Amino acid sequence: MSIRTLAVATLVLAGTLSAADKKLLSLVMPDVKVLGGVNVRGAAATPLGRYVLTAMMQRSRQLQQASTDFGLDAHSFRELLVASNSAPRYDAGIALARGSFHPPAIISKAVESGAVTETYKDVTLVTDAKHALGLAFLGSNVLITGDLASVKTAIDQASAPWSMPASLSSRIAQLSAADDAWVVSTVSASNLFPPSAARAGAGRGVSAQNVLRNVQRVSGGVKFGKLATVNALAQADTPETAQLLANTLKLMVNLLQAQAKQLAPESAQSLVVDPEGNILNLSFHLTDPEFRKMYQMVAGSQGRGAAPNAAK
């Protein structure tokens, strides 16, 4: 069976989903390692969607500081992309948004709060007092914010876009058109997760780190409803490794379900694992509490305080 591709971050427009905004994608740094997207207008459609969007906003240093110092309002966003070239440091990189903005008012409020402005290639660039965070608008409907160097790179690319590899752009198009939230990586899966996630399962003799270290790339999406349905694709180094990963994933799910009943029976039984050569397709669904716990683990949020209190 053919599965769409791996998970975590675009949320449904009311009605029909559309592919990721090509203008925003053209502004991503060429050496991107992790790229995720959210169709923000659909986030309010489900409790899980609201949870993921809230978590992204709270965990992104760029978005948090832009909201606090520059007066950004997430309700103005229609689509959001986050990109990092320094995984698993997800607070680095940039956030790109399409929406309805009033740049003069936002810039004025930022200056009142202590920000400074400069002109960079005919674009007004807003920076914090330490010149660490940057914010800029391309017209009135595209926002760029993040570390200053990345924001300047994005402005450079607005007039001279880089050519994204066909395999990457094709995967993003598939994911963003089919799922509510999506993420892609261009590096080994073992480089993507913080230590807390990598050690998950170690006490039961199976760790995520062992599963992921031979996975060269991952990509996928999640569909929100009463359950969260995850569809994933992992590229292993060899067909033998893909089969080993399939067997390990099945074992991990069985352990989670059997020991301490960490998975509901219907969730454990939903796992579909389909190795095809060195490609491993998988899908599964999770209940609302299960998905939130998985999201927190993957995001490395244990020990960082409470999870976001999104609307139920």
C-alpha atoms as a PDB file:
ATOM      1  CA  MET A   1       0.000   0.000   0.000  1.00  0.00           C
ATOM      2  CA  SER A   2       1.266   3.476  -0.855  1.00  0.00           C
ATOM      3  CA  ILE A   3       1.397   6.028   2.011  1.00  0.00           C
ATOM      4  CA  ARG A   4       1.664   9.791   1.710  1.00  0.00           C
ATOM      5  CA  THR A   5       4.818  10.856   3.655  1.00  0.00           C
ATOM      6  CA  LEU A   6       6.262  11.807   7.740  1.00  0.00           C
ATOM      7  CA  ALA A   7       5.009  14.280  10.211  1.00  0.00           C
ATOM      8  CA  VAL A   8       4.725  17.178  12.163  1.00  0.00           C
ATOM      9  CA  ALA A   9       3.827  20.629  11.377  1.00  0.00           C
ATOM     10  CA  THR A  10       0.234  22.478   7.949  1.00  0.00           C
ATOM     11  CA  LEU A  11      -3.342  22.806   9.092  1.00  0.00           C
ATOM     12  CA  VAL A  12      -6.524  22.602   6.997  1.00  0.00           C
ATOM     13  CA  LEU A  13      -8.124  25.435   5.119  1.00  0.00           C
ATOM     14  CA  ALA A  14     -11.849  25.143   5.447  1.00  0.00           C
ATOM     15  CA  GLY A  15     -12.728  22.770   2.690  1.00  0.00           C
ATOM     16  CA  THR A  16      -9.875  22.030   0.293  1.00  0.00           C
ATOM     17  CA  LEU A  17      -6.179  21.896   1.096  1.00  0.00           C
ATOM     18  CA  SER A  18      -3.686  23.585  -1.204  1.00  0.00           C
ATOM     19  CA  ALA A  19       0.017  23.089  -1.742  1.00  0.00           C
ATOM     20  CA  ALA A  20       2.571  25.144   0.182  1.00  0.00           C
ATOM     21  CA  ASP A  21       3.056  28.721  -0.969  1.00  0.00           C
ATOM     22  CA  LYS A  22       5.824  28.780  -3.595  1.00  0.00           C
ATOM     23  CA  LYS A  23       6.772  32.357  -2.713  1.00  0.00           C
ATOM     24  CA  LEU A  24       7.430  31.412   0.908  1.00  0.00           C
ATOM     25  CA  LEU A  25       9.367  28.311  -0.115  1.00  0.00           C
ATOM     26  CA  SER A  26      11.616  30.395  -2.363  1.00  0.00           C
ATOM     27  CA  LEU A  27      12.721  32.403   0.692  1.00  0.00           C
ATOM     28  CA  VAL A  28      13.943  29.373   2.688  1.00  0.00           C
ATOM     29  CA  MET A  29      17.720  29.089   3.162  1.00  0.00           C
ATOM     30  CA  PRO A  30      19.374  26.794   0.560  1.00  0.00           C
ATOM     31  CA  ASP A  31      21.064  24.716   3.289  1.00  0.00           C
ATOM     32  CA  VAL A  32      17.770  23.999   5.078  1.00  0.00           C
ATOM     33  CA  LYS A  33      17.773  20.860   7.233  1.00  0.00           C
ATOM     34  CA  VAL A  34      14.213  20.840   8.544  1.00  0.00           C
ATOM     35  CA  LEU A  35      11.183  22.547   7.028  1.00  0.00           C
ATOM     36  CA  GLY A  36       7.626  22.428   8.310  1.00  0.00           C
ATOM     37  CA  GLY A  37       4.428  24.228   7.459  1.00  0.00           C
ATOM     38  CA  VAL A  38       1.046  25.103   8.910  1.00  0.00           C
ATOM     39  CA  ASN A  39      -2.061  26.291   7.097  1.00  0.00           C
ATOM     40  CA  VAL A  40      -3.022  28.537   9.986  1.00  0.00           C
ATOM     41  CA  ARG A  41      -6.635  29.266   9.073  1.00  0.00           C
ATOM     42  CA  GLY A  42      -7.508  25.610   9.474  1.00  0.00           C
ATOM     43  CA  ALA A  43      -5.775  25.236  12.837  1.00  0.00           C
ATOM     44  CA  ALA A  44      -8.900  26.301  14.713  1.00  0.00           C
ATOM     45  CA  ALA A  45     -10.908  23.510  13.091  1.00  0.00           C
ATOM     46  CA  THR A  46      -9.822  20.836  15.604  1.00  0.00           C
ATOM     47  CA  PRO A  47      -8.472  20.785  19.162  1.00  0.00           C
ATOM     48  CA  LEU A  48      -5.341  18.941  18.002  1.00  0.00           C
ATOM     49  CA  GLY A  49      -4.757  21.520  15.286  1.00  0.00           C
ATOM     50  CA  ARG A  50      -5.015  24.321  17.826  1.00  0.00           C
ATOM     51  CA  TYR A  51      -2.634  22.447  20.111  1.00  0.00           C
ATOM     52  CA  VAL A  52       0.054  22.070  17.435  1.00  0.00           C
ATOM     53  CA  LEU A  53      -0.200  25.682  16.298  1.00  0.00           C
ATOM     54  CA  THR A  54      -0.042  26.947  19.900  1.00  0.00           C
ATOM     55  CA  ALA A  55       2.955  24.714  20.590  1.00  0.00           C
ATOM     56  CA  MET A  56       4.772  25.981  17.501  1.00  0.00           C
ATOM     57  CA  MET A  57       4.131  29.589  18.474  1.00  0.00           C
ATOM     58  CA  GLN A  58       5.319  29.007  22.048  1.00  0.00           C
ATOM     59  CA  ARG A  59       8.440  27.050  21.095  1.00  0.00           C
ATOM     60  CA  SER A  60       9.638  29.351  18.317  1.00  0.00           C
ATOM     61  CA  ARG A  61      11.989  32.002  19.713  1.00  0.00           C
ATOM     62  CA  GLN A  62      11.527  34.041  16.550  1.00  0.00           C
ATOM     63  CA  LEU A  63       7.738  34.073  16.749  1.00  0.00           C
ATOM     64  CA  GLN A  64       7.671  34.619  20.506  1.00  0.00           C
ATOM     65  CA  GLN A  65      10.026  37.575  20.380  1.00  0.00           C
ATOM     66  CA  ALA A  66       8.395  39.037  17.283  1.00  0.00           C
ATOM     67  CA  SER A  67       5.061  38.837  19.069  1.00  0.00           C
ATOM     68  CA  THR A  68       6.400  40.417  22.270  1.00  0.00           C
ATOM     69  CA  ASP A  69       8.762  43.035  20.821  1.00  0.00           C
ATOM     70  CA  PHE A  70       7.245  43.716  17.424  1.00  0.00           C
ATOM     71  CA  GLY A  71       3.538  43.346  18.188  1.00  0.00           C
ATOM     72  CA  LEU A  72       2.859  40.523  15.737  1.00  0.00           C
ATOM     73  CA  ASP A  73      -0.582  38.933  15.901  1.00  0.00           C
ATOM     74  CA  ALA A  74      -0.719  35.264  14.859  1.00  0.00           C
ATOM     75  CA  HIS A  75      -4.362  35.751  13.881  1.00  0.00           C
ATOM     76  CA  SER A  76      -3.050  37.685  10.880  1.00  0.00           C
ATOM     77  CA  PHE A  77      -1.321  34.561   9.547  1.00  0.00           C
ATOM     78  CA  ARG A  78      -2.825  32.491   6.768  1.00  0.00           C
ATOM     79  CA  GLU A  79       0.107  30.162   6.159  1.00  0.00           C
ATOM     80  CA  LEU A  80       3.233  29.619   8.234  1.00  0.00           C
ATOM     81  CA  LEU A  81       6.546  27.973   7.345  1.00  0.00           C
ATOM     82  CA  VAL A  82       9.386  27.376   9.767  1.00  0.00           C
ATOM     83  CA  ALA A  83      12.858  26.412   8.548  1.00  0.00           C
ATOM     84  CA  SER A  84      16.103  25.583  10.315  1.00  0.00           C
ATOM     85  CA  ASN A  85      19.601  24.836   9.089  1.00  0.00           C
ATOM     86  CA  SER A  86      20.856  23.922  12.565  1.00  0.00           C
ATOM     87  CA  ALA A  87      18.646  21.023  13.722  1.00  0.00           C
ATOM     88  CA  PRO A  88      17.803  20.010  16.363  1.00  0.00           C
ATOM     89  CA  ARG A  89      17.997  23.662  17.506  1.00  0.00           C
ATOM     90  CA  TYR A  90      14.490  24.545  16.357  1.00  0.00           C
ATOM     91  CA  ASP A  91      14.788  28.015  17.878  1.00  0.00           C
ATOM     92  CA  ALA A  92      17.282  28.893  15.119  1.00  0.00           C
ATOM     93  CA  GLY A  93      16.428  29.787  11.530  1.00  0.00           C
ATOM     94  CA  ILE A  94      13.414  31.656  10.231  1.00  0.00           C
ATOM     95  CA  ALA A  95       9.652  31.780  10.261  1.00  0.00           C
ATOM     96  CA  LEU A  96       7.857  32.859   7.096  1.00  0.00           C
ATOM     97  CA  ALA A  97       4.201  33.801   6.992  1.00  0.00           C
ATOM     98  CA  ARG A  98       1.626  34.840   4.452  1.00  0.00           C
ATOM     99  CA  GLY A  99      -1.297  36.839   5.757  1.00  0.00           C
ATOM    100  CA  SER A 100      -2.900  40.256   5.989  1.00  0.00           C
ATOM    101  CA  PHE A 101      -0.491  42.632   7.683  1.00  0.00           C
ATOM    102  CA  HIS A 102      -0.230  46.377   8.291  1.00  0.00           C
ATOM    103  CA  PRO A 103       3.573  46.831   8.173  1.00  0.00           C
ATOM    104  CA  PRO A 104       3.725  50.548   9.134  1.00  0.00           C
ATOM    105  CA  ALA A 105       1.763  49.924  12.350  1.00  0.00           C
ATOM    106  CA  ILE A 106       3.841  46.873  13.290  1.00  0.00           C
ATOM    107  CA  ILE A 107       7.125  48.649  12.559  1.00  0.00           C
ATOM    108  CA  SER A 108       6.013  51.706  14.546  1.00  0.00           C
ATOM    109  CA  LYS A 109       5.063  49.566  17.558  1.00  0.00           C
ATOM    110  CA  ALA A 110       8.386  47.721  17.339  1.00  0.00           C
ATOM    111  CA  VAL A 111      10.326  51.009  17.390  1.00  0.00           C
ATOM    112  CA  GLU A 112       8.296  52.191  20.390  1.00  0.00           C
ATOM    113  CA  SER A 113       9.361  48.991  22.159  1.00  0.00           C
ATOM    114  CA  GLY A 114      13.057  49.685  21.538  1.00  0.00           C
ATOM    115  CA  ALA A 115      13.631  48.096  18.132  1.00  0.00           C
ATOM    116  CA  VAL A 116      15.684  49.837  15.476  1.00  0.00           C
ATOM    117  CA  THR A 117      15.257  49.966  11.721  1.00  0.00           C
ATOM    118  CA  GLU A 118      17.549  50.028   8.745  1.00  0.00           C
ATOM    119  CA  THR A 119      17.113  49.739   5.011  1.00  0.00           C
ATOM    120  CA  TYR A 120      18.465  46.584   3.436  1.00  0.00           C
ATOM    121  CA  LYS A 121      18.135  46.296  -0.348  1.00  0.00           C
ATOM    122  CA  ASP A 122      15.159  48.660  -0.360  1.00  0.00           C
ATOM    123  CA  VAL A 123      13.410  46.684   2.383  1.00  0.00           C
ATOM    124  CA  THR A 124      12.823  48.073   5.897  1.00  0.00           C
ATOM    125  CA  LEU A 125      14.545  45.705   8.291  1.00  0.00           C
ATOM    126  CA  VAL A 126      13.525  45.789  11.951  1.00  0.00           C
ATOM    127  CA  THR A 127      15.967  44.442  14.541  1.00  0.00           C
ATOM    128  CA  ASP A 128      15.947  44.127  18.296  1.00  0.00           C
ATOM    129  CA  ALA A 129      18.358  46.155  20.397  1.00  0.00           C
ATOM    130  CA  LYS A 130      20.942  43.343  20.318  1.00  0.00           C
ATOM    131  CA  HIS A 131      20.692  42.983  16.526  1.00  0.00           C
ATOM    132  CA  ALA A 132      19.997  39.268  16.975  1.00  0.00           C
ATOM    133  CA  LEU A 133      16.427  39.058  15.697  1.00  0.00           C
ATOM    134  CA  GLY A 134      15.233  40.517  12.413  1.00  0.00           C
ATOM    135  CA  LEU A 135      11.826  41.159  10.888  1.00  0.00           C
ATOM    136  CA  ALA A 136      10.883  42.363   7.419  1.00  0.00           C
ATOM    137  CA  PHE A 137       7.864  42.530   5.124  1.00  0.00           C
ATOM    138  CA  LEU A 138       7.759  41.881   1.406  1.00  0.00           C
ATOM    139  CA  GLY A 139       4.727  43.929   0.449  1.00  0.00           C
ATOM    140  CA  SER A 140       1.847  43.724   2.898  1.00  0.00           C
ATOM    141  CA  ASN A 141       1.249  39.982   2.839  1.00  0.00           C
ATOM    142  CA  VAL A 142       4.622  38.251   3.346  1.00  0.00           C
ATOM    143  CA  LEU A 143       6.460  38.348   6.670  1.00  0.00           C
ATOM    144  CA  ILE A 144       9.992  37.161   7.426  1.00  0.00           C
ATOM    145  CA  THR A 145      11.342  36.884  10.964  1.00  0.00           C
ATOM    146  CA  GLY A 146      14.258  35.034  12.516  1.00  0.00           C
ATOM    147  CA  ASP A 147      17.955  35.441  13.158  1.00  0.00           C
ATOM    148  CA  LEU A 148      19.287  38.496  11.368  1.00  0.00           C
ATOM    149  CA  ALA A 149      21.554  36.668   8.912  1.00  0.00           C
ATOM    150  CA  SER A 150      18.741  34.343   7.816  1.00  0.00           C
ATOM    151  CA  VAL A 151      16.336  37.245   7.333  1.00  0.00           C
ATOM    152  CA  LYS A 152      18.869  39.044   5.132  1.00  0.00           C
ATOM    153  CA  THR A 153      19.415  35.846   3.144  1.00  0.00           C
ATOM    154  CA  ALA A 154      15.663  35.578   2.581  1.00  0.00           C
ATOM    155  CA  ILE A 155      15.537  39.191   1.363  1.00  0.00           C
ATOM    156  CA  ASP A 156      18.407  38.422  -1.021  1.00  0.00           C
ATOM    157  CA  GLN A 157      16.495  35.439  -2.359  1.00  0.00           C
ATOM    158  CA  ALA A 158      13.361  37.486  -2.977  1.00  0.00           C
ATOM    159  CA  SER A 159      15.082  38.939  -6.040  1.00  0.00           C
ATOM    160  CA  ALA A 160      17.191  35.881  -6.881  1.00  0.00           C
ATOM    161  CA  PRO A 161      15.369  32.731  -5.687  1.00  0.00           C
ATOM    162  CA  TRP A 162      17.375  29.537  -5.358  1.00  0.00           C
ATOM    163  CA  SER A 163      16.384  26.417  -7.223  1.00  0.00           C
ATOM    164  CA  MET A 164      15.055  23.877  -4.708  1.00  0.00           C
ATOM    165  CA  PRO A 165      15.919  20.264  -5.646  1.00  0.00           C
ATOM    166  CA  ALA A 166      13.049  18.600  -7.509  1.00  0.00           C
ATOM    167  CA  SER A 167      12.849  15.718  -5.024  1.00  0.00           C
ATOM    168  CA  LEU A 168      12.433  18.143  -2.116  1.00  0.00           C
ATOM    169  CA  SER A 169       9.910  20.441  -3.810  1.00  0.00           C
ATOM    170  CA  SER A 170       7.903  17.442  -5.017  1.00  0.00           C
ATOM    171  CA  ARG A 171       7.725  15.944  -1.517  1.00  0.00           C
ATOM    172  CA  ILE A 172       6.635  19.268  -0.014  1.00  0.00           C
ATOM    173  CA  ALA A 173       3.938  19.665  -2.675  1.00  0.00           C
ATOM    174  CA  GLN A 174       2.571  16.184  -1.923  1.00  0.00           C
ATOM    175  CA  LEU A 175       2.550  16.702   1.815  1.00  0.00           C
ATOM    176  CA  SER A 176       1.136  20.203   1.934  1.00  0.00           C
ATOM    177  CA  ALA A 177      -1.675  19.296  -0.472  1.00  0.00           C
ATOM    178  CA  ALA A 178      -2.695  16.126   1.373  1.00  0.00           C
ATOM    179  CA  ASP A 179      -2.191  16.667   5.097  1.00  0.00           C
ATOM    180  CA  ASP A 180      -3.045  19.157   7.799  1.00  0.00           C
ATOM    181  CA  ALA A 181       0.504  19.376   9.163  1.00  0.00           C
ATOM    182  CA  TRP A 182       3.778  18.416   7.517  1.00  0.00           C
ATOM    183  CA  VAL A 183       7.525  18.324   7.927  1.00  0.00           C
ATOM    184  CA  VAL A 184      10.476  17.271   5.769  1.00  0.00           C
ATOM    185  CA  SER A 185      14.137  16.766   6.549  1.00  0.00           C
ATOM    186  CA  THR A 186      17.188  16.819   4.319  1.00  0.00           C
ATOM    187  CA  VAL A 187      19.481  15.161   6.877  1.00  0.00           C
ATOM    188  CA  SER A 188      19.686  11.899   8.792  1.00  0.00           C
ATOM    189  CA  ALA A 189      16.848  11.338  11.226  1.00  0.00           C
ATOM    190  CA  SER A 190      19.348  10.832  14.066  1.00  0.00           C
ATOM    191  CA  ASN A 191      20.275  14.535  13.768  1.00  0.00           C
ATOM    192  CA  LEU A 192      16.726  15.795  14.121  1.00  0.00           C
ATOM    193  CA  PHE A 193      15.679  14.964  17.631  1.00  0.00           C
ATOM    194  CA  PRO A 194      16.859  16.298  20.995  1.00  0.00           C
ATOM    195  CA  PRO A 195      18.384  13.852  23.522  1.00  0.00           C
ATOM    196  CA  SER A 196      15.115  13.386  25.429  1.00  0.00           C
ATOM    197  CA  ALA A 197      13.406  12.065  22.290  1.00  0.00           C
ATOM    198  CA  ALA A 198      16.394  10.015  21.173  1.00  0.00           C
ATOM    199  CA  ARG A 199      16.429   8.180  24.529  1.00  0.00           C
ATOM    200  CA  ALA A 200      12.710   7.373  24.410  1.00  0.00           C
ATOM    201  CA  GLY A 201      12.083   3.684  24.968  1.00  0.00           C
ATOM    202  CA  ALA A 202      15.615   2.957  26.184  1.00  0.00           C
ATOM    203  CA  GLY A 203      14.300   1.610  29.470  1.00  0.00           C
ATOM    204  CA  ARG A 204      12.427  -1.090  27.572  1.00  0.00           C
ATOM    205  CA  GLY A 205      15.480  -2.169  25.594  1.00  0.00           C
ATOM    206  CA  VAL A 206      14.462  -0.297  22.437  1.00  0.00           C
ATOM    207  CA  SER A 207      15.327   3.347  21.806  1.00  0.00           C
ATOM    208  CA  ALA A 208      14.302   5.788  19.114  1.00  0.00           C
ATOM    209  CA  GLN A 209      17.984   6.527  18.610  1.00  0.00           C
ATOM    210  CA  ASN A 210      18.654   2.932  17.557  1.00  0.00           C
ATOM    211  CA  VAL A 211      15.689   3.035  15.204  1.00  0.00           C
ATOM    212  CA  LEU A 212      16.604   6.341  13.582  1.00  0.00           C
ATOM    213  CA  ARG A 213      20.373   6.250  13.232  1.00  0.00           C
ATOM    214  CA  ASN A 214      20.217   4.385   9.905  1.00  0.00           C
ATOM    215  CA  VAL A 215      17.421   6.558   8.499  1.00  0.00           C
ATOM    216  CA  GLN A 216      18.870   8.991   5.984  1.00  0.00           C
ATOM    217  CA  ARG A 217      15.791  11.192   5.546  1.00  0.00           C
ATOM    218  CA  VAL A 218      12.248  11.412   6.842  1.00  0.00           C
ATOM    219  CA  SER A 219       9.167  13.267   5.717  1.00  0.00           C
ATOM    220  CA  GLY A 220       5.489  13.075   6.401  1.00  0.00           C
ATOM    221  CA  GLY A 221       2.195  14.555   7.396  1.00  0.00           C
ATOM    222  CA  VAL A 222      -0.552  14.352   9.976  1.00  0.00           C
ATOM    223  CA  LYS A 223      -4.300  14.660   9.456  1.00  0.00           C
ATOM    224  CA  PHE A 224      -6.329  15.976  12.362  1.00  0.00           C
ATOM    225  CA  GLY A 225      -9.803  14.881  13.357  1.00  0.00           C
ATOM    226  CA  LYS A 226     -11.132  13.001  16.358  1.00  0.00           C
ATOM    227  CA  LEU A 227      -7.923  10.996  15.899  1.00  0.00           C
ATOM    228  CA  ALA A 228      -4.570  12.123  14.521  1.00  0.00           C
ATOM    229  CA  THR A 229      -3.609  10.028  11.492  1.00  0.00           C
ATOM    230  CA  VAL A 230       0.107  10.062  10.728  1.00  0.00           C
ATOM    231  CA  ASN A 231       1.532   8.984   7.365  1.00  0.00           C
ATOM    232  CA  ALA A 232       5.299   8.709   7.137  1.00  0.00           C
ATOM    233  CA  LEU A 233       8.138   7.851   4.817  1.00  0.00           C
ATOM    234  CA  ALA A 234      11.656   7.001   5.930  1.00  0.00           C
ATOM    235  CA  GLN A 235      14.588   6.423   3.602  1.00  0.00           C
ATOM    236  CA  ALA A 236      17.015   3.872   5.045  1.00  0.00           C
ATOM    237  CA  ASP A 237      20.551   3.142   3.876  1.00  0.00           C
ATOM    238  CA  THR A 238      19.707  -0.391   2.626  1.00  0.00           C
ATOM    239  CA  PRO A 239      16.614  -2.599   2.074  1.00  0.00           C
ATOM    240  CA  GLU A 240      17.795  -4.766   4.957  1.00  0.00           C
ATOM    241  CA  THR A 241      17.857  -1.747   7.250  1.00  0.00           C
ATOM    242  CA  ALA A 242      14.358  -0.749   6.103  1.00  0.00           C
ATOM    243  CA  GLN A 243      13.054  -4.218   7.014  1.00  0.00           C
ATOM    244  CA  LEU A 244      14.863  -4.070  10.369  1.00  0.00           C
ATOM    245  CA  LEU A 245      13.303  -0.685  11.061  1.00  0.00           C
ATOM    246  CA  ALA A 246       9.876  -2.075  10.207  1.00  0.00           C
ATOM    247  CA  ASN A 247      10.317  -4.958  12.623  1.00  0.00           C
ATOM    248  CA  THR A 248      11.640  -2.634  15.347  1.00  0.00           C
ATOM    249  CA  LEU A 249       8.750  -0.208  14.990  1.00  0.00           C
ATOM    250  CA  LYS A 250       6.254  -3.046  15.315  1.00  0.00           C
ATOM    251  CA  LEU A 251       8.051  -4.252  18.436  1.00  0.00           C
ATOM    252  CA  MET A 252       8.069  -0.763  19.955  1.00  0.00           C
ATOM    253  CA  VAL A 253       4.334  -0.337  19.352  1.00  0.00           C
ATOM    254  CA  ASN A 254       3.611  -3.736  20.881  1.00  0.00           C
ATOM    255  CA  LEU A 255       5.702  -2.834  23.923  1.00  0.00           C
ATOM    256  CA  LEU A 256       3.968   0.512  24.346  1.00  0.00           C
ATOM    257  CA  GLN A 257       0.574  -1.131  24.180  1.00  0.00           C
ATOM    258  CA  ALA A 258       1.413  -4.081  26.420  1.00  0.00           C
ATOM    259  CA  GLN A 259       3.442  -2.321  29.106  1.00  0.00           C
ATOM    260  CA  ALA A 260       1.477   0.177  31.186  1.00  0.00           C
ATOM    261  CA  LYS A 261      -1.142   0.395  28.401  1.00  0.00           C
ATOM    262  CA  GLN A 262       0.503   3.485  26.931  1.00  0.00           C
ATOM    263  CA  LEU A 263      -1.382   3.032  23.667  1.00  0.00           C
ATOM    264  CA  ALA A 264      -5.087   2.388  23.262  1.00  0.00           C
ATOM    265  CA  PRO A 265      -5.745  -0.984  21.566  1.00  0.00           C
ATOM    266  CA  GLU A 266      -7.169   0.723  18.472  1.00  0.00           C
ATOM    267  CA  SER A 267      -4.032   2.865  18.157  1.00  0.00           C
ATOM    268  CA  ALA A 268      -1.686  -0.110  18.489  1.00  0.00           C
ATOM    269  CA  GLN A 269      -3.703  -2.076  15.930  1.00  0.00           C
ATOM    270  CA  SER A 270      -3.745   0.821  13.439  1.00  0.00           C
ATOM    271  CA  LEU A 271      -0.021   0.590  12.599  1.00  0.00           C
ATOM    272  CA  VAL A 272       0.676  -0.245   8.941  1.00  0.00           C
ATOM    273  CA  VAL A 273       4.338  -0.762   8.036  1.00  0.00           C
ATOM    274  CA  ASP A 274       5.255  -1.290   4.388  1.00  0.00           C
ATOM    275  CA  PRO A 275       8.948  -1.637   3.420  1.00  0.00           C
ATOM    276  CA  GLU A 276       9.626  -1.172  -0.305  1.00  0.00           C
ATOM    277  CA  GLY A 277      13.335  -1.557  -1.011  1.00  0.00           C
ATOM    278  CA  ASN A 278      15.150   0.969   1.176  1.00  0.00           C
ATOM    279  CA  ILE A 279      11.956   3.022   1.634  1.00  0.00           C
ATOM    280  CA  LEU A 280       9.749   2.426   4.658  1.00  0.00           C
ATOM    281  CA  ASN A 281       6.144   3.628   4.454  1.00  0.00           C
ATOM    282  CA  LEU A 282       4.109   3.661   7.614  1.00  0.00           C
ATOM    283  CA  SER A 283       0.844   4.970   8.938  1.00  0.00           C
ATOM    284  CA  PHE A 284      -0.914   4.925  12.280  1.00  0.00           C
ATOM    285  CA  HIS A 285      -3.422   6.905  14.252  1.00  0.00           C
ATOM    286  CA  LEU A 286      -3.368   8.217  17.802  1.00  0.00           C
ATOM    287  CA  THR A 287      -5.957   9.458  20.243  1.00  0.00           C
ATOM    288  CA  ASP A 288      -5.804  13.093  21.322  1.00  0.00           C
ATOM    289  CA  PRO A 289      -3.796  12.408  24.547  1.00  0.00           C
ATOM    290  CA  GLU A 290      -1.458  10.004  22.729  1.00  0.00           C
ATOM    291  CA  PHE A 291      -0.706  12.512  19.997  1.00  0.00           C
ATOM    292  CA  ARG A 292      -0.006  15.317  22.468  1.00  0.00           C
ATOM    293  CA  LYS A 293       2.392  13.085  24.391  1.00  0.00           C
ATOM    294  CA  MET A 294       4.167  12.062  21.178  1.00  0.00           C
ATOM    295  CA  TYR A 295       4.407  15.685  20.034  1.00  0.00           C
ATOM    296  CA  GLN A 296       5.931  16.748  23.347  1.00  0.00           C
ATOM    297  CA  MET A 297       8.458  13.898  23.178  1.00  0.00           C
ATOM    298  CA  VAL A 298       9.504  14.654  19.591  1.00  0.00           C
ATOM    299  CA  ALA A 299       9.732  18.372  20.321  1.00  0.00           C
ATOM    300  CA  GLY A 300      11.881  17.670  23.373  1.00  0.00           C
ATOM    301  CA  SER A 301       9.509  19.502  25.674  1.00  0.00           C
ATOM    302  CA  GLN A 302       9.899  17.253  28.720  1.00  0.00           C
ATOM    303  CA  GLY A 303      11.574  19.141  31.506  1.00  0.00           C
ATOM    304  CA  ARG A 304      10.822  22.500  29.882  1.00  0.00           C
ATOM    305  CA  GLY A 305       7.665  23.255  31.726  1.00  0.00           C
ATOM    306  CA  ALA A 306       4.044  22.570  30.957  1.00  0.00           C
ATOM    307  CA  ALA A 307       2.769  21.777  27.525  1.00  0.00           C
ATOM    308  CA  PRO A 308       0.823  24.525  25.781  1.00  0.00           C
ATOM    309  CA  ASN A 309      -2.649  24.989  27.122  1.00  0.00           C
ATOM    310  CA  ALA A 310      -4.382  25.110  23.775  1.00  0.00           C
ATOM    311  CA  ALA A 311      -8.131  25.249  23.534  1.00  0.00           C
ATOM    312  CA  LYS A 312      -9.732  21.867  24.092  1.00  0.00           C
END
